[in-house]
Amino acid sequence: MSQRITFAGRRVLVLGSAVAALALTACTPPGEPSSQPPGPGTPPPPAEQTQTGGGDAKTGSFEGTLAQPGGQGAAFTYNPALAPAGAKVKATVEGSEQSTVVDFEVTGLQPNRGYAVHAHVNACGPTGDAAGPHFQNKQDPAASPESPSADPAYANPQNEIWLDLRTDAQGAGQASANVPFGITGERAPKSIVIHEESNTNTAEGQAGKAGGRAACLNIES
């Protein structure tokens, strides 16, 4: 009988250890490493991943042929007298998280004429107003959709992307902007607008203004 008592006692102890092990496993919070060392053949836990910065810097080449709004193209004219249908526009964007270079080229516009050109926050639409205000790195807190920024502290070629150009005798022109900020997929301009005036105003209360919107090119990735 003593042998059966001893055998039963050993069996109770073994069952007790199994229950304790199960309880320890159940109490380990999800995602936390177990205090027990991994068994043979157990793969190591994956390395922790971290994300830095605001996303990949926007880069790419975007081009289109000016057409009447409402079509499926990438570029539209709102003033065919100044930006004729069939004119070609192209923007190349290269940058990092600290700086951005934008090159803008046109062919087929009015010859020997200046055009003010800026990056805008929205994509091109059925009217020039659809592109919204200028893209700003540091947004003017006093600006609103009804009253766009006209403060030179914010509406300037270091805080916005200005690409004012002048065409040659054949209607071709080119401009570049090198700005001290990056633009990423999370926050980037979506269009470049060609304005009717020959250059961008810089005066107090008028900064950034350049008249009506003659044409627009989408630069969405």
C-alpha atoms as a PDB file:
ATOM      1  CA  MET A   1       0.000   0.000   0.000  1.00  0.00           C
ATOM      2  CA  SER A   2       2.856   2.295   0.765  1.00  0.00           C
ATOM      3  CA  GLN A   3       4.087   1.804  -2.754  1.00  0.00           C
ATOM      4  CA  ARG A   4       0.722   2.830  -4.169  1.00  0.00           C
ATOM      5  CA  ILE A   5       0.626   5.886  -1.869  1.00  0.00           C
ATOM      6  CA  THR A   6       4.102   6.851  -2.935  1.00  0.00           C
ATOM      7  CA  PHE A   7       3.209   6.281  -6.625  1.00  0.00           C
ATOM      8  CA  ALA A   8       0.028   8.329  -6.207  1.00  0.00           C
ATOM      9  CA  GLY A   9       1.950  11.077  -4.456  1.00  0.00           C
ATOM     10  CA  ARG A  10       4.457  11.244  -7.318  1.00  0.00           C
ATOM     11  CA  ARG A  11       1.626  11.377  -9.830  1.00  0.00           C
ATOM     12  CA  VAL A  12       0.001  14.279  -7.975  1.00  0.00           C
ATOM     13  CA  LEU A  13       3.243  16.174  -7.970  1.00  0.00           C
ATOM     14  CA  VAL A  14       3.702  15.686 -11.731  1.00  0.00           C
ATOM     15  CA  LEU A  15       0.185  16.914 -12.446  1.00  0.00           C
ATOM     16  CA  GLY A  16       0.733  19.870 -10.161  1.00  0.00           C
ATOM     17  CA  SER A  17       3.871  20.915 -12.098  1.00  0.00           C
ATOM     18  CA  ALA A  18       2.002  20.741 -15.434  1.00  0.00           C
ATOM     19  CA  VAL A  19      -0.798  22.938 -14.094  1.00  0.00           C
ATOM     20  CA  ALA A  20       1.733  25.446 -12.770  1.00  0.00           C
ATOM     21  CA  ALA A  21       3.445  25.610 -16.161  1.00  0.00           C
ATOM     22  CA  LEU A  22       0.129  26.210 -17.904  1.00  0.00           C
ATOM     23  CA  ALA A  23      -0.752  28.939 -15.428  1.00  0.00           C
ATOM     24  CA  LEU A  24       2.609  30.665 -15.973  1.00  0.00           C
ATOM     25  CA  THR A  25       2.097  30.609 -19.765  1.00  0.00           C
ATOM     26  CA  ALA A  26      -1.434  31.987 -19.448  1.00  0.00           C
ATOM     27  CA  CYS A  27      -0.245  34.858 -17.233  1.00  0.00           C
ATOM     28  CA  THR A  28       2.403  36.011 -19.701  1.00  0.00           C
ATOM     29  CA  PRO A  29       0.974  39.148 -21.443  1.00  0.00           C
ATOM     30  CA  PRO A  30       0.694  38.934 -25.251  1.00  0.00           C
ATOM     31  CA  GLY A  31       3.700  40.375 -27.038  1.00  0.00           C
ATOM     32  CA  GLU A  32       6.001  40.004 -23.986  1.00  0.00           C
ATOM     33  CA  PRO A  33       8.833  37.452 -24.094  1.00  0.00           C
ATOM     34  CA  SER A  34       8.470  34.371 -21.944  1.00  0.00           C
ATOM     35  CA  SER A  35      10.835  33.952 -19.023  1.00  0.00           C
ATOM     36  CA  GLN A  36      11.530  30.428 -20.259  1.00  0.00           C
ATOM     37  CA  PRO A  37      14.392  30.086 -22.750  1.00  0.00           C
ATOM     38  CA  PRO A  38      13.330  29.040 -26.284  1.00  0.00           C
ATOM     39  CA  GLY A  39      13.529  25.377 -27.024  1.00  0.00           C
ATOM     40  CA  PRO A  40      15.747  23.843 -29.691  1.00  0.00           C
ATOM     41  CA  GLY A  41      14.712  24.894 -33.199  1.00  0.00           C
ATOM     42  CA  THR A  42      12.582  27.846 -32.024  1.00  0.00           C
ATOM     43  CA  PRO A  43      13.139  30.882 -34.342  1.00  0.00           C
ATOM     44  CA  PRO A  44      14.194  34.165 -32.704  1.00  0.00           C
ATOM     45  CA  PRO A  45      11.504  36.881 -32.338  1.00  0.00           C
ATOM     46  CA  PRO A  46      11.362  39.448 -35.184  1.00  0.00           C
ATOM     47  CA  ALA A  47      13.368  42.645 -34.761  1.00  0.00           C
ATOM     48  CA  GLU A  48      11.373  45.697 -33.677  1.00  0.00           C
ATOM     49  CA  GLN A  49      10.574  48.002 -36.607  1.00  0.00           C
ATOM     50  CA  THR A  50      10.415  51.774 -36.323  1.00  0.00           C
ATOM     51  CA  GLN A  51       9.287  54.402 -38.839  1.00  0.00           C
ATOM     52  CA  THR A  52      11.009  57.764 -39.095  1.00  0.00           C
ATOM     53  CA  GLY A  53      10.288  60.898 -41.073  1.00  0.00           C
ATOM     54  CA  GLY A  54       7.053  61.854 -42.824  1.00  0.00           C
ATOM     55  CA  GLY A  55       7.176  59.336 -45.656  1.00  0.00           C
ATOM     56  CA  ASP A  56       9.151  59.004 -48.840  1.00  0.00           C
ATOM     57  CA  ALA A  57      10.167  62.250 -50.507  1.00  0.00           C
ATOM     58  CA  LYS A  58       8.107  63.048 -53.575  1.00  0.00           C
ATOM     59  CA  THR A  59       9.975  62.513 -56.829  1.00  0.00           C
ATOM     60  CA  GLY A  60       8.986  61.952 -60.414  1.00  0.00           C
ATOM     61  CA  SER A  61       8.342  63.415 -63.836  1.00  0.00           C
ATOM     62  CA  PHE A  62       4.889  64.679 -64.785  1.00  0.00           C
ATOM     63  CA  GLU A  63       3.828  65.957 -68.176  1.00  0.00           C
ATOM     64  CA  GLY A  64       0.759  66.648 -70.249  1.00  0.00           C
ATOM     65  CA  THR A  65      -0.714  68.407 -73.263  1.00  0.00           C
ATOM     66  CA  LEU A  66      -3.110  71.244 -72.501  1.00  0.00           C
ATOM     67  CA  ALA A  67      -6.702  70.348 -73.294  1.00  0.00           C
ATOM     68  CA  GLN A  68     -10.152  71.577 -72.391  1.00  0.00           C
ATOM     69  CA  PRO A  69     -11.076  70.696 -68.773  1.00  0.00           C
ATOM     70  CA  GLY A  70     -13.292  67.711 -68.176  1.00  0.00           C
ATOM     71  CA  GLY A  71     -11.222  65.160 -70.072  1.00  0.00           C
ATOM     72  CA  GLN A  72      -8.992  62.374 -68.856  1.00  0.00           C
ATOM     73  CA  GLY A  73      -5.656  64.099 -69.468  1.00  0.00           C
ATOM     74  CA  ALA A  74      -3.165  65.479 -66.951  1.00  0.00           C
ATOM     75  CA  ALA A  75      -3.122  69.121 -68.110  1.00  0.00           C
ATOM     76  CA  PHE A  76      -5.876  71.621 -68.827  1.00  0.00           C
ATOM     77  CA  THR A  77      -6.284  75.143 -70.160  1.00  0.00           C
ATOM     78  CA  TYR A  78      -8.695  77.650 -68.667  1.00  0.00           C
ATOM     79  CA  ASN A  79      -7.617  80.514 -70.931  1.00  0.00           C
ATOM     80  CA  PRO A  80      -6.802  79.246 -74.451  1.00  0.00           C
ATOM     81  CA  ALA A  81      -5.753  82.726 -75.575  1.00  0.00           C
ATOM     82  CA  LEU A  82      -2.804  82.667 -73.130  1.00  0.00           C
ATOM     83  CA  ALA A  83      -2.363  78.904 -72.786  1.00  0.00           C
ATOM     84  CA  PRO A  84      -3.446  77.348 -76.107  1.00  0.00           C
ATOM     85  CA  ALA A  85      -4.764  73.802 -76.278  1.00  0.00           C
ATOM     86  CA  GLY A  86      -1.965  71.577 -77.551  1.00  0.00           C
ATOM     87  CA  ALA A  87       0.774  73.350 -75.598  1.00  0.00           C
ATOM     88  CA  LYS A  88       2.958  70.938 -73.632  1.00  0.00           C
ATOM     89  CA  VAL A  89       3.940  71.241 -69.984  1.00  0.00           C
ATOM     90  CA  LYS A  90       6.322  69.128 -67.898  1.00  0.00           C
ATOM     91  CA  ALA A  91       7.451  69.158 -64.263  1.00  0.00           C
ATOM     92  CA  THR A  92      10.298  67.141 -62.745  1.00  0.00           C
ATOM     93  CA  VAL A  93      10.447  66.826 -58.958  1.00  0.00           C
ATOM     94  CA  GLU A  94      13.531  65.608 -57.088  1.00  0.00           C
ATOM     95  CA  GLY A  95      14.123  65.876 -53.387  1.00  0.00           C
ATOM     96  CA  SER A  96      14.842  64.553 -49.939  1.00  0.00           C
ATOM     97  CA  GLU A  97      13.294  65.209 -46.555  1.00  0.00           C
ATOM     98  CA  GLN A  98      15.352  68.429 -46.308  1.00  0.00           C
ATOM     99  CA  SER A  99      15.122  70.017 -49.774  1.00  0.00           C
ATOM    100  CA  THR A 100      13.312  69.851 -53.108  1.00  0.00           C
ATOM    101  CA  VAL A 101      14.182  70.828 -56.672  1.00  0.00           C
ATOM    102  CA  VAL A 102      11.389  71.373 -59.213  1.00  0.00           C
ATOM    103  CA  ASP A 103      12.059  71.957 -62.920  1.00  0.00           C
ATOM    104  CA  PHE A 104       9.215  73.216 -65.112  1.00  0.00           C
ATOM    105  CA  GLU A 105       9.193  73.355 -68.909  1.00  0.00           C
ATOM    106  CA  VAL A 106       6.608  74.620 -71.402  1.00  0.00           C
ATOM    107  CA  THR A 107       6.313  74.683 -75.196  1.00  0.00           C
ATOM    108  CA  GLY A 108       3.571  76.202 -77.309  1.00  0.00           C
ATOM    109  CA  LEU A 109       2.557  79.088 -75.035  1.00  0.00           C
ATOM    110  CA  GLN A 110       2.409  82.700 -76.183  1.00  0.00           C
ATOM    111  CA  PRO A 111       5.871  83.836 -77.397  1.00  0.00           C
ATOM    112  CA  ASN A 112       7.982  86.413 -75.588  1.00  0.00           C
ATOM    113  CA  ARG A 113       5.707  86.552 -72.570  1.00  0.00           C
ATOM    114  CA  GLY A 114       6.080  86.113 -68.836  1.00  0.00           C
ATOM    115  CA  TYR A 115       3.964  83.661 -66.841  1.00  0.00           C
ATOM    116  CA  ALA A 116       3.734  83.352 -63.065  1.00  0.00           C
ATOM    117  CA  VAL A 117       3.718  79.698 -62.014  1.00  0.00           C
ATOM    118  CA  HIS A 118       3.183  78.072 -58.603  1.00  0.00           C
ATOM    119  CA  ALA A 119       2.615  74.684 -56.960  1.00  0.00           C
ATOM    120  CA  HIS A 120      -0.895  74.295 -55.516  1.00  0.00           C
ATOM    121  CA  VAL A 121      -2.400  72.037 -52.869  1.00  0.00           C
ATOM    122  CA  ASN A 122      -5.168  70.355 -54.905  1.00  0.00           C
ATOM    123  CA  ALA A 123      -5.357  68.569 -58.226  1.00  0.00           C
ATOM    124  CA  CYS A 124      -6.551  70.314 -61.390  1.00  0.00           C
ATOM    125  CA  GLY A 125     -10.293  70.420 -61.880  1.00  0.00           C
ATOM    126  CA  PRO A 126     -13.028  71.768 -64.136  1.00  0.00           C
ATOM    127  CA  THR A 127     -12.069  75.336 -63.209  1.00  0.00           C
ATOM    128  CA  GLY A 128      -8.809  76.947 -62.140  1.00  0.00           C
ATOM    129  CA  ASP A 129     -10.126  77.449 -58.615  1.00  0.00           C
ATOM    130  CA  ALA A 130     -10.227  73.671 -58.053  1.00  0.00           C
ATOM    131  CA  ALA A 131      -6.447  73.635 -57.476  1.00  0.00           C
ATOM    132  CA  GLY A 132      -6.909  75.563 -54.235  1.00  0.00           C
ATOM    133  CA  PRO A 133      -4.278  77.857 -52.684  1.00  0.00           C
ATOM    134  CA  HIS A 134      -0.513  77.738 -53.068  1.00  0.00           C
ATOM    135  CA  PHE A 135       1.288  74.892 -51.355  1.00  0.00           C
ATOM    136  CA  GLN A 136       3.163  76.276 -48.312  1.00  0.00           C
ATOM    137  CA  ASN A 137       5.782  74.530 -46.216  1.00  0.00           C
ATOM    138  CA  LYS A 138       4.789  76.568 -43.135  1.00  0.00           C
ATOM    139  CA  GLN A 139       1.133  77.423 -43.467  1.00  0.00           C
ATOM    140  CA  ASP A 140      -0.047  80.971 -42.860  1.00  0.00           C
ATOM    141  CA  PRO A 141      -2.319  80.732 -39.772  1.00  0.00           C
ATOM    142  CA  ALA A 142      -4.261  83.811 -40.928  1.00  0.00           C
ATOM    143  CA  ALA A 143      -5.120  82.331 -44.341  1.00  0.00           C
ATOM    144  CA  SER A 144      -8.399  80.629 -45.213  1.00  0.00           C
ATOM    145  CA  PRO A 145     -10.002  79.157 -48.359  1.00  0.00           C
ATOM    146  CA  GLU A 146     -11.865  82.434 -48.803  1.00  0.00           C
ATOM    147  CA  SER A 147      -8.779  84.565 -48.108  1.00  0.00           C
ATOM    148  CA  PRO A 148      -5.542  82.890 -49.298  1.00  0.00           C
ATOM    149  CA  SER A 149      -2.209  83.887 -47.806  1.00  0.00           C
ATOM    150  CA  ALA A 150      -0.868  87.260 -48.962  1.00  0.00           C
ATOM    151  CA  ASP A 151       1.644  87.766 -46.148  1.00  0.00           C
ATOM    152  CA  PRO A 152       5.235  87.970 -47.457  1.00  0.00           C
ATOM    153  CA  ALA A 153       6.379  86.071 -44.363  1.00  0.00           C
ATOM    154  CA  TYR A 154       4.607  82.996 -45.771  1.00  0.00           C
ATOM    155  CA  ALA A 155       3.879  83.809 -49.427  1.00  0.00           C
ATOM    156  CA  ASN A 156       7.456  83.842 -50.687  1.00  0.00           C
ATOM    157  CA  PRO A 157       9.651  81.604 -52.890  1.00  0.00           C
ATOM    158  CA  GLN A 158      11.399  80.021 -49.869  1.00  0.00           C
ATOM    159  CA  ASN A 159       8.148  78.840 -48.255  1.00  0.00           C
ATOM    160  CA  GLU A 160       6.233  78.151 -51.480  1.00  0.00           C
ATOM    161  CA  ILE A 161       7.266  76.784 -54.877  1.00  0.00           C
ATOM    162  CA  TRP A 162       7.430  79.577 -57.471  1.00  0.00           C
ATOM    163  CA  LEU A 163       8.342  78.791 -61.071  1.00  0.00           C
ATOM    164  CA  ASP A 164       7.845  82.119 -62.866  1.00  0.00           C
ATOM    165  CA  LEU A 165       9.195  81.935 -66.424  1.00  0.00           C
ATOM    166  CA  ARG A 166       9.416  83.834 -69.693  1.00  0.00           C
ATOM    167  CA  THR A 167       8.886  82.206 -73.072  1.00  0.00           C
ATOM    168  CA  ASP A 168      11.122  82.685 -76.103  1.00  0.00           C
ATOM    169  CA  ALA A 169      10.065  83.532 -79.678  1.00  0.00           C
ATOM    170  CA  GLN A 170       8.739  79.987 -80.133  1.00  0.00           C
ATOM    171  CA  GLY A 171       6.671  80.003 -76.928  1.00  0.00           C
ATOM    172  CA  ALA A 172       9.047  77.756 -74.991  1.00  0.00           C
ATOM    173  CA  GLY A 173      10.273  78.478 -71.482  1.00  0.00           C
ATOM    174  CA  GLN A 174      11.834  76.880 -68.427  1.00  0.00           C
ATOM    175  CA  ALA A 175      12.133  77.640 -64.712  1.00  0.00           C
ATOM    176  CA  SER A 176      13.580  75.903 -61.656  1.00  0.00           C
ATOM    177  CA  ALA A 177      12.932  76.198 -57.942  1.00  0.00           C
ATOM    178  CA  ASN A 178      15.215  74.902 -55.199  1.00  0.00           C
ATOM    179  CA  VAL A 179      13.445  75.136 -51.842  1.00  0.00           C
ATOM    180  CA  PRO A 180      14.818  74.336 -48.362  1.00  0.00           C
ATOM    181  CA  PHE A 181      12.139  71.832 -47.412  1.00  0.00           C
ATOM    182  CA  GLY A 182      11.088  68.363 -48.411  1.00  0.00           C
ATOM    183  CA  ILE A 183       7.714  67.313 -49.763  1.00  0.00           C
ATOM    184  CA  THR A 184       6.471  63.797 -49.111  1.00  0.00           C
ATOM    185  CA  GLY A 185       3.649  61.557 -50.150  1.00  0.00           C
ATOM    186  CA  GLU A 186       1.781  62.482 -46.984  1.00  0.00           C
ATOM    187  CA  ARG A 187       1.935  66.224 -47.610  1.00  0.00           C
ATOM    188  CA  ALA A 188       2.798  67.394 -51.091  1.00  0.00           C
ATOM    189  CA  PRO A 189       1.443  69.712 -53.788  1.00  0.00           C
ATOM    190  CA  LYS A 190      -0.825  68.048 -56.338  1.00  0.00           C
ATOM    191  CA  SER A 191      -0.692  70.502 -59.227  1.00  0.00           C
ATOM    192  CA  ILE A 192       1.261  73.316 -60.874  1.00  0.00           C
ATOM    193  CA  VAL A 193      -0.776  76.301 -62.044  1.00  0.00           C
ATOM    194  CA  ILE A 194       0.198  78.753 -64.787  1.00  0.00           C
ATOM    195  CA  HIS A 195      -1.190  82.199 -64.006  1.00  0.00           C
ATOM    196  CA  GLU A 196      -2.174  85.022 -66.323  1.00  0.00           C
ATOM    197  CA  GLU A 197       0.159  87.693 -64.939  1.00  0.00           C
ATOM    198  CA  SER A 198       3.773  87.825 -66.032  1.00  0.00           C
ATOM    199  CA  ASN A 199       5.256  87.585 -62.535  1.00  0.00           C
ATOM    200  CA  THR A 200       4.286  86.944 -58.921  1.00  0.00           C
ATOM    201  CA  ASN A 201       3.513  89.904 -56.678  1.00  0.00           C
ATOM    202  CA  THR A 202       5.645  90.282 -53.545  1.00  0.00           C
ATOM    203  CA  ALA A 203       4.147  93.399 -51.919  1.00  0.00           C
ATOM    204  CA  GLU A 204       2.614  93.368 -48.451  1.00  0.00           C
ATOM    205  CA  GLY A 205      -0.991  92.190 -48.680  1.00  0.00           C
ATOM    206  CA  GLN A 206      -0.489  91.149 -52.321  1.00  0.00           C
ATOM    207  CA  ALA A 207       2.292  88.592 -51.972  1.00  0.00           C
ATOM    208  CA  GLY A 208       1.743  85.478 -54.036  1.00  0.00           C
ATOM    209  CA  LYS A 209      -0.979  86.965 -56.210  1.00  0.00           C
ATOM    210  CA  ALA A 210      -0.564  86.510 -59.966  1.00  0.00           C
ATOM    211  CA  GLY A 211      -3.964  86.999 -61.558  1.00  0.00           C
ATOM    212  CA  GLY A 212      -6.278  84.405 -63.068  1.00  0.00           C
ATOM    213  CA  ARG A 213      -5.395  80.778 -63.644  1.00  0.00           C
ATOM    214  CA  ALA A 214      -4.625  80.079 -67.280  1.00  0.00           C
ATOM    215  CA  ALA A 215      -3.639  76.388 -67.128  1.00  0.00           C
ATOM    216  CA  CYS A 216      -2.907  73.515 -64.748  1.00  0.00           C
ATOM    217  CA  LEU A 217      -0.757  70.351 -64.662  1.00  0.00           C
ATOM    218  CA  ASN A 218      -1.400  67.480 -62.255  1.00  0.00           C
ATOM    219  CA  ILE A 219       1.682  66.236 -60.390  1.00  0.00           C
ATOM    220  CA  GLU A 220       0.063  63.502 -58.326  1.00  0.00           C
ATOM    221  CA  SER A 221       2.028  60.256 -57.955  1.00  0.00           C
END
